[in-house]
C-alpha atoms as a PDB file:
ATOM      1  CA  UNK A   1     -61.930 -66.248  13.122  1.00  0.00           C
ATOM      2  CA  UNK A   2     -60.763 -63.423  15.324  1.00  0.00           C
ATOM      3  CA  UNK A   3     -58.915 -63.518  18.613  1.00  0.00           C
ATOM      4  CA  UNK A   4     -60.436 -62.031  21.775  1.00  0.00           C
ATOM      5  CA  UNK A   5     -58.192 -58.938  21.520  1.00  0.00           C
ATOM      6  CA  UNK A   6     -59.490 -58.209  18.005  1.00  0.00           C
ATOM      7  CA  UNK A   7     -63.136 -57.979  19.069  1.00  0.00           C
ATOM      8  CA  UNK A   8     -64.918 -54.929  20.470  1.00  0.00           C
ATOM      9  CA  UNK A   9     -68.313 -54.417  22.056  1.00  0.00           C
ATOM     10  CA  UNK A  10     -70.686 -53.175  19.385  1.00  0.00           C
ATOM     11  CA  UNK A  11     -69.022 -55.016  16.492  1.00  0.00           C
ATOM     12  CA  UNK A  12     -71.676 -56.355  14.152  1.00  0.00           C
ATOM     13  CA  UNK A  13     -71.499 -59.203  11.648  1.00  0.00           C
ATOM     14  CA  UNK A  14     -74.040 -59.497   8.874  1.00  0.00           C
ATOM     15  CA  UNK A  15     -74.436 -63.261   8.536  1.00  0.00           C
ATOM     16  CA  UNK A  16     -76.590 -63.526   5.415  1.00  0.00           C
ATOM     17  CA  UNK A  17     -80.200 -64.271   4.681  1.00  0.00           C
ATOM     18  CA  UNK A  18     -82.476 -67.229   4.055  1.00  0.00           C
ATOM     19  CA  UNK A  19     -85.870 -67.556   2.395  1.00  0.00           C
ATOM     20  CA  UNK A  20     -88.275 -69.915   4.130  1.00  0.00           C
ATOM     21  CA  UNK A  21     -90.284 -71.833   1.537  1.00  0.00           C
ATOM     22  CA  UNK A  22     -93.290 -74.045   2.188  1.00  0.00           C
ATOM     23  CA  UNK A  23     -91.181 -77.055   1.233  1.00  0.00           C
ATOM     24  CA  UNK A  24     -88.265 -76.367   3.576  1.00  0.00           C
ATOM     25  CA  UNK A  25     -90.640 -75.430   6.421  1.00  0.00           C
ATOM     26  CA  UNK A  26     -92.512 -78.732   6.055  1.00  0.00           C
ATOM     27  CA  UNK A  27     -89.321 -80.772   5.674  1.00  0.00           C
ATOM     28  CA  UNK A  28     -87.783 -79.358   8.864  1.00  0.00           C
ATOM     29  CA  UNK A  29     -91.065 -79.662  10.772  1.00  0.00           C
ATOM     30  CA  UNK A  30     -91.675 -83.260   9.706  1.00  0.00           C
ATOM     31  CA  UNK A  31     -88.328 -84.234  11.169  1.00  0.00           C
ATOM     32  CA  UNK A  32     -88.009 -81.970  14.215  1.00  0.00           C
ATOM     33  CA  UNK A  33     -91.250 -80.115  15.116  1.00  0.00           C
ATOM     34  CA  UNK A  34     -94.270 -81.923  13.662  1.00  0.00           C
ATOM     35  CA  UNK A  35     -97.010 -79.529  14.680  1.00  0.00           C
ATOM     36  CA  UNK A  36     -99.893 -79.008  12.246  1.00  0.00           C
ATOM     37  CA  UNK A  37     -99.291 -75.287  11.649  1.00  0.00           C
ATOM     38  CA  UNK A  38     -95.739 -76.145  10.490  1.00  0.00           C
ATOM     39  CA  UNK A  39     -96.863 -79.022   8.254  1.00  0.00           C
ATOM     40  CA  UNK A  40    -100.108 -77.959   6.598  1.00  0.00           C
ATOM     41  CA  UNK A  41    -100.985 -74.673   4.873  1.00  0.00           C
ATOM     42  CA  UNK A  42    -104.656 -74.825   5.817  1.00  0.00           C
ATOM     43  CA  UNK A  43    -103.877 -75.577   9.461  1.00  0.00           C
ATOM     44  CA  UNK A  44    -101.401 -72.690   9.399  1.00  0.00           C
ATOM     45  CA  UNK A  45    -104.001 -70.294   7.966  1.00  0.00           C
ATOM     46  CA  UNK A  46    -106.461 -71.297  10.701  1.00  0.00           C
ATOM     47  CA  UNK A  47    -103.865 -70.874  13.447  1.00  0.00           C
ATOM     48  CA  UNK A  48    -102.959 -67.664  15.231  1.00  0.00           C
ATOM     49  CA  UNK A  49    -100.033 -67.404  12.783  1.00  0.00           C
ATOM     50  CA  UNK A  50    -102.329 -66.893   9.787  1.00  0.00           C
ATOM     51  CA  UNK A  51    -100.176 -68.992   7.455  1.00  0.00           C
ATOM     52  CA  UNK A  52     -97.748 -71.869   7.207  1.00  0.00           C
ATOM     53  CA  UNK A  53     -95.247 -70.947   9.927  1.00  0.00           C
ATOM     54  CA  UNK A  54     -91.634 -72.037  10.262  1.00  0.00           C
ATOM     55  CA  UNK A  55     -90.702 -73.698  13.521  1.00  0.00           C
ATOM     56  CA  UNK A  56     -88.805 -71.365  15.816  1.00  0.00           C
ATOM     57  CA  UNK A  57     -86.155 -74.082  16.021  1.00  0.00           C
ATOM     58  CA  UNK A  58     -85.859 -73.917  12.225  1.00  0.00           C
ATOM     59  CA  UNK A  59     -85.376 -70.139  12.395  1.00  0.00           C
ATOM     60  CA  UNK A  60     -82.654 -70.601  15.020  1.00  0.00           C
ATOM     61  CA  UNK A  61     -80.979 -73.450  13.125  1.00  0.00           C
ATOM     62  CA  UNK A  62     -80.618 -71.278  10.044  1.00  0.00           C
ATOM     63  CA  UNK A  63     -78.979 -68.606  12.202  1.00  0.00           C
ATOM     64  CA  UNK A  64     -76.446 -71.183  13.407  1.00  0.00           C
ATOM     65  CA  UNK A  65     -75.815 -72.409   9.861  1.00  0.00           C
ATOM     66  CA  UNK A  66     -75.106 -68.874   8.639  1.00  0.00           C
ATOM     67  CA  UNK A  67     -72.957 -68.073  11.694  1.00  0.00           C
ATOM     68  CA  UNK A  68     -70.754 -71.126  11.051  1.00  0.00           C
ATOM     69  CA  UNK A  69     -70.529 -70.344   7.317  1.00  0.00           C
ATOM     70  CA  UNK A  70     -69.452 -66.766   8.092  1.00  0.00           C
ATOM     71  CA  UNK A  71     -66.841 -68.009  10.576  1.00  0.00           C
ATOM     72  CA  UNK A  72     -65.468 -70.429   7.995  1.00  0.00           C
ATOM     73  CA  UNK A  73     -65.288 -67.610   5.427  1.00  0.00           C
ATOM     74  CA  UNK A  74     -63.385 -65.426   7.908  1.00  0.00           C
ATOM     75  CA  UNK A  75     -60.950 -68.283   8.621  1.00  0.00           C
ATOM     76  CA  UNK A  76     -60.289 -68.844   4.898  1.00  0.00           C
ATOM     77  CA  UNK A  77     -59.651 -65.126   4.391  1.00  0.00           C
ATOM     78  CA  UNK A  78     -57.289 -64.951   7.391  1.00  0.00           C
ATOM     79  CA  UNK A  79     -55.384 -68.009   6.131  1.00  0.00           C
ATOM     80  CA  UNK A  80     -55.092 -66.460   2.659  1.00  0.00           C
ATOM     81  CA  UNK A  81     -53.552 -63.346   4.265  1.00  0.00           C
ATOM     82  CA  UNK A  82     -51.064 -65.545   6.149  1.00  0.00           C
ATOM     83  CA  UNK A  83     -52.612 -64.798   9.542  1.00  0.00           C
ATOM     84  CA  UNK A  84     -53.011 -67.233  12.405  1.00  0.00           C
ATOM     85  CA  UNK A  85     -56.632 -68.372  12.713  1.00  0.00           C
ATOM     86  CA  UNK A  86     -58.240 -68.320  16.136  1.00  0.00           C
ATOM     87  CA  UNK A  87     -59.996 -71.589  16.960  1.00  0.00           C
ATOM     88  CA  UNK A  88     -62.994 -70.685  19.090  1.00  0.00           C
ATOM     89  CA  UNK A  89     -64.033 -72.901  21.949  1.00  0.00           C
ATOM     90  CA  UNK A  90     -67.450 -74.237  22.772  1.00  0.00           C
ATOM     91  CA  UNK A  91     -70.475 -72.257  23.791  1.00  0.00           C
ATOM     92  CA  UNK A  92     -71.516 -72.725  27.414  1.00  0.00           C
ATOM     93  CA  UNK A  93     -75.060 -71.837  26.409  1.00  0.00           C
ATOM     94  CA  UNK A  94     -77.488 -69.125  25.508  1.00  0.00           C
ATOM     95  CA  UNK A  95     -80.292 -67.119  27.094  1.00  0.00           C
ATOM     96  CA  UNK A  96     -83.150 -64.891  26.193  1.00  0.00           C
ATOM     97  CA  UNK A  97     -84.322 -66.852  23.139  1.00  0.00           C
ATOM     98  CA  UNK A  98     -87.273 -65.004  21.631  1.00  0.00           C
ATOM     99  CA  UNK A  99     -89.439 -65.825  18.650  1.00  0.00           C
ATOM    100  CA  UNK A 100     -90.953 -62.376  18.300  1.00  0.00           C
ATOM    101  CA  UNK A 101     -93.043 -62.670  15.134  1.00  0.00           C
ATOM    102  CA  UNK A 102     -93.967 -65.688  13.050  1.00  0.00           C
ATOM    103  CA  UNK A 103     -91.828 -66.543  10.040  1.00  0.00           C
ATOM    104  CA  UNK A 104     -94.197 -67.573   7.257  1.00  0.00           C
ATOM    105  CA  UNK A 105     -93.633 -69.343   3.955  1.00  0.00           C
ATOM    106  CA  UNK A 106     -92.094 -66.798   1.582  1.00  0.00           C
ATOM    107  CA  UNK A 107     -90.416 -64.705   4.270  1.00  0.00           C
ATOM    108  CA  UNK A 108     -86.729 -63.880   3.865  1.00  0.00           C
ATOM    109  CA  UNK A 109     -84.865 -63.412   7.132  1.00  0.00           C
ATOM    110  CA  UNK A 110     -81.594 -61.465   7.327  1.00  0.00           C
ATOM    111  CA  UNK A 111     -79.422 -62.527  10.271  1.00  0.00           C
ATOM    112  CA  UNK A 112     -76.810 -60.557  12.193  1.00  0.00           C
ATOM    113  CA  UNK A 113     -74.711 -60.905  15.332  1.00  0.00           C
ATOM    114  CA  UNK A 114     -73.619 -57.990  17.528  1.00  0.00           C
ATOM    115  CA  UNK A 115     -71.139 -58.226  20.409  1.00  0.00           C
ATOM    116  CA  UNK A 116     -72.734 -57.095  23.692  1.00  0.00           C
ATOM    117  CA  UNK A 117     -70.013 -57.915  26.208  1.00  0.00           C
ATOM    118  CA  UNK A 118     -66.479 -59.254  26.560  1.00  0.00           C
ATOM    119  CA  UNK A 119     -64.566 -60.446  29.598  1.00  0.00           C
ATOM    120  CA  UNK A 120     -61.574 -62.601  30.414  1.00  0.00           C
ATOM    121  CA  UNK A 121     -62.359 -65.983  31.905  1.00  0.00           C
ATOM    122  CA  UNK A 122     -61.366 -66.130  35.573  1.00  0.00           C
ATOM    123  CA  UNK A 123     -60.819 -69.891  35.562  1.00  0.00           C
ATOM    124  CA  UNK A 124     -59.235 -70.119  32.107  1.00  0.00           C
ATOM    125  CA  UNK A 125     -57.187 -66.957  31.478  1.00  0.00           C
ATOM    126  CA  UNK A 126     -56.174 -68.190  28.013  1.00  0.00           C
ATOM    127  CA  UNK A 127     -59.807 -67.657  26.989  1.00  0.00           C
ATOM    128  CA  UNK A 128     -62.123 -64.703  26.793  1.00  0.00           C
ATOM    129  CA  UNK A 129     -65.892 -64.921  27.073  1.00  0.00           C
ATOM    130  CA  UNK A 130     -68.005 -63.155  24.494  1.00  0.00           C
ATOM    131  CA  UNK A 131     -71.730 -62.504  24.591  1.00  0.00           C
ATOM    132  CA  UNK A 132     -73.440 -61.565  21.349  1.00  0.00           C
ATOM    133  CA  UNK A 133     -77.031 -60.840  20.373  1.00  0.00           C
ATOM    134  CA  UNK A 134     -78.009 -62.829  17.284  1.00  0.00           C
ATOM    135  CA  UNK A 135     -81.059 -61.467  15.485  1.00  0.00           C
ATOM    136  CA  UNK A 136     -83.232 -62.114  12.464  1.00  0.00           C
ATOM    137  CA  UNK A 137     -85.187 -59.435  10.607  1.00  0.00           C
ATOM    138  CA  UNK A 138     -87.775 -60.137   7.913  1.00  0.00           C
ATOM    139  CA  UNK A 139     -88.090 -58.424   4.540  1.00  0.00           C
ATOM    140  CA  UNK A 140     -90.385 -55.813   6.114  1.00  0.00           C
ATOM    141  CA  UNK A 141     -87.692 -54.798   8.618  1.00  0.00           C
ATOM    142  CA  UNK A 142     -89.478 -56.500  11.537  1.00  0.00           C
ATOM    143  CA  UNK A 143     -87.431 -58.243  14.214  1.00  0.00           C
ATOM    144  CA  UNK A 144     -88.584 -61.880  14.278  1.00  0.00           C
ATOM    145  CA  UNK A 145     -85.851 -63.694  16.237  1.00  0.00           C
ATOM    146  CA  UNK A 146     -83.397 -62.795  19.007  1.00  0.00           C
ATOM    147  CA  UNK A 147     -80.962 -64.820  21.082  1.00  0.00           C
ATOM    148  CA  UNK A 148     -78.127 -63.927  23.474  1.00  0.00           C
ATOM    149  CA  UNK A 149     -75.259 -66.368  22.938  1.00  0.00           C
ATOM    150  CA  UNK A 150     -72.062 -66.949  24.896  1.00  0.00           C
ATOM    151  CA  UNK A 151     -68.827 -68.318  23.434  1.00  0.00           C
ATOM    152  CA  UNK A 152     -65.262 -68.958  24.541  1.00  0.00           C
ATOM    153  CA  UNK A 153     -62.801 -67.008  22.370  1.00  0.00           C
ATOM    154  CA  UNK A 154     -59.049 -67.667  22.528  1.00  0.00           C
ATOM    155  CA  UNK A 155     -56.751 -64.888  23.678  1.00  0.00           C
ATOM    156  CA  UNK A 156     -53.797 -64.171  21.413  1.00  0.00           C
ATOM    157  CA  UNK A 157     -51.177 -63.724  24.123  1.00  0.00           C
ATOM    158  CA  UNK A 158     -52.528 -65.484  27.187  1.00  0.00           C
ATOM    159  CA  UNK A 159     -50.017 -65.943  29.989  1.00  0.00           C
END
């Protein structure tokens, strides 16, 4: 993980991709979003989605999973180089969550995160505050998911 001083507006991280299968859509939906168009192919075909659709919460959860995996990879690489690893703080929240297009069984979504803003925390000068736009794009190049996240990032040399 990087320190606040090592991050610049516009930096982009490719987080990886995930293929939504009928089985994993139904499994997630059964536990967390049991609506018919997430659980049944026929109901999905008859819905405005036109097919078995992944829950938006499922789409967002995969983004989080890939974001954490990428952060863990970065931390391992920094440790292997003998660098100090920045331990990020919590997220005070997110805004502008958008499920732009349905994610249907068989779709593969590629996720990315791009830094939109950085500022030093006024109340906690040892921390910076980062805002990043997390997105998901399907195999046709269509934006399907977007979310503006905020996170506390430690400063390397805070007073």
